[in-house]
Amino acid sequence: MGFKVAVIYYSRSGRLVTLANVIAEGIRQVEGADVTVYRVKDPIVGDDYNAFDRGVLESPVATPEVVLQADCIVFGAPGRQGGVCCEMSFFPGFA
């Protein structure tokens, strides 16, 4: 029986996007893994393509439903002042 994995990231640069995709590829090596990479929509900037590096906005937006339907969740976000960035903390259920 398969299991669903959601790799959810917030990033304005492409570095965490690359990391999220590498993690997803590793998880796909596990038999039965159904992996999807999602992004957290910026609560202030939204989807302004000028504010993000190329490729950041290509993943679908994560929703609370995605979290509820996943069997496993991998979160990734930059750290700021000893904690997770505020944009990720706005994601429902993360804070």
Protein backbone atom coordinates (compact mmCIF):
# COMPACT_ATOMS: atom_id res chain seq x y z
CA MET A 1 0.00 0.00 0.00
CA GLY A 2 1.31 3.45 -0.91
CA PHE A 3 1.69 6.52 1.20
CA LYS A 4 1.49 10.24 0.41
CA VAL A 5 4.36 12.57 1.20
CA ALA A 6 4.14 16.36 0.97
CA VAL A 7 7.40 18.30 0.76
CA ILE A 8 6.43 21.87 1.66
CA TYR A 9 8.85 24.80 1.41
CA TYR A 10 8.94 28.57 1.60
CA SER A 11 11.68 30.35 -0.30
CA ARG A 12 12.29 33.50 -2.28
CA SER A 13 15.47 32.11 -3.77
CA GLY A 14 15.97 28.92 -5.70
CA ARG A 15 18.20 27.21 -3.13
CA LEU A 16 15.42 25.75 -1.00
CA VAL A 17 13.47 24.81 -4.13
CA THR A 18 16.44 22.73 -5.27
CA LEU A 19 16.76 21.16 -1.82
CA ALA A 20 13.02 20.34 -1.71
CA ASN A 21 13.22 18.67 -5.11
CA VAL A 22 16.32 16.65 -4.14
CA ILE A 23 14.57 15.48 -0.96
CA ALA A 24 11.50 14.53 -3.00
CA GLU A 25 13.64 12.52 -5.44
CA GLY A 26 15.18 10.63 -2.53
CA ILE A 27 11.78 9.82 -1.06
CA ARG A 28 10.57 8.60 -4.47
CA GLN A 29 13.17 5.84 -4.22
CA VAL A 30 11.07 4.27 -1.45
CA GLU A 31 8.57 1.80 -2.84
CA GLY A 32 4.98 3.06 -2.57
CA ALA A 33 5.90 6.71 -2.00
CA ASP A 34 3.67 9.25 -3.74
CA VAL A 35 5.58 12.53 -3.35
CA THR A 36 4.52 16.06 -4.29
CA VAL A 37 6.48 19.27 -3.73
CA TYR A 38 4.42 22.28 -2.62
CA ARG A 39 5.24 25.88 -1.77
CA VAL A 40 3.85 28.18 0.90
CA LYS A 41 2.37 31.30 -0.64
CA ASP A 42 3.89 34.49 0.73
CA PRO A 43 1.20 36.13 2.90
CA ILE A 44 2.32 39.65 1.96
CA VAL A 45 3.92 39.52 -1.48
CA GLY A 46 1.63 36.81 -2.84
CA ASP A 47 2.69 35.59 -6.29
CA ASP A 48 4.57 38.67 -7.48
CA TYR A 49 7.04 37.10 -9.92
CA ASN A 50 9.43 40.04 -9.48
CA ALA A 51 9.93 39.20 -5.79
CA PHE A 52 11.11 35.61 -6.32
CA ASP A 53 13.93 33.86 -8.14
CA ARG A 54 13.07 31.88 -11.24
CA GLY A 55 11.48 28.50 -10.48
CA VAL A 56 10.26 29.32 -6.98
CA LEU A 57 6.61 29.75 -7.99
CA GLU A 58 6.41 26.64 -10.18
CA SER A 59 5.21 24.28 -7.44
CA PRO A 60 1.54 24.17 -6.45
CA VAL A 61 0.52 26.10 -3.34
CA ALA A 62 0.23 24.09 -0.13
CA THR A 63 -3.13 24.17 1.61
CA PRO A 64 -4.37 22.80 4.93
CA GLU A 65 -6.06 20.02 2.95
CA VAL A 66 -2.67 18.94 1.58
CA VAL A 67 -1.40 18.59 5.15
CA LEU A 68 -4.46 16.63 6.27
CA GLN A 69 -4.24 14.19 3.34
CA ALA A 70 -0.50 13.51 3.65
CA ASP A 71 0.87 10.57 5.59
CA CYS A 72 4.22 12.34 5.97
CA ILE A 73 5.19 16.01 5.70
CA VAL A 74 8.65 17.48 5.19
CA PHE A 75 8.86 21.23 5.87
CA GLY A 76 11.68 23.48 4.67
CA ALA A 77 12.18 27.20 5.22
CA PRO A 78 14.96 29.64 5.99
CA GLY A 79 15.76 30.31 9.61
CA ARG A 80 15.63 33.82 10.98
CA GLN A 81 16.76 34.90 14.44
CA GLY A 82 16.77 31.37 15.80
CA GLY A 83 13.38 30.33 14.43
CA VAL A 84 11.57 29.66 11.22
CA CYS A 85 10.90 32.60 8.90
CA CYS A 86 7.67 34.49 9.61
CA GLU A 87 6.23 33.65 6.18
CA MET A 88 6.24 29.94 7.08
CA SER A 89 4.79 30.63 10.51
CA PHE A 90 1.70 32.10 8.82
CA PHE A 91 1.01 28.72 7.20
CA PRO A 92 -2.07 27.23 8.94
CA GLY A 93 -1.14 24.58 11.45
CA PHE A 94 2.62 25.21 11.34
CA ALA A 95 3.04 27.74 14.14
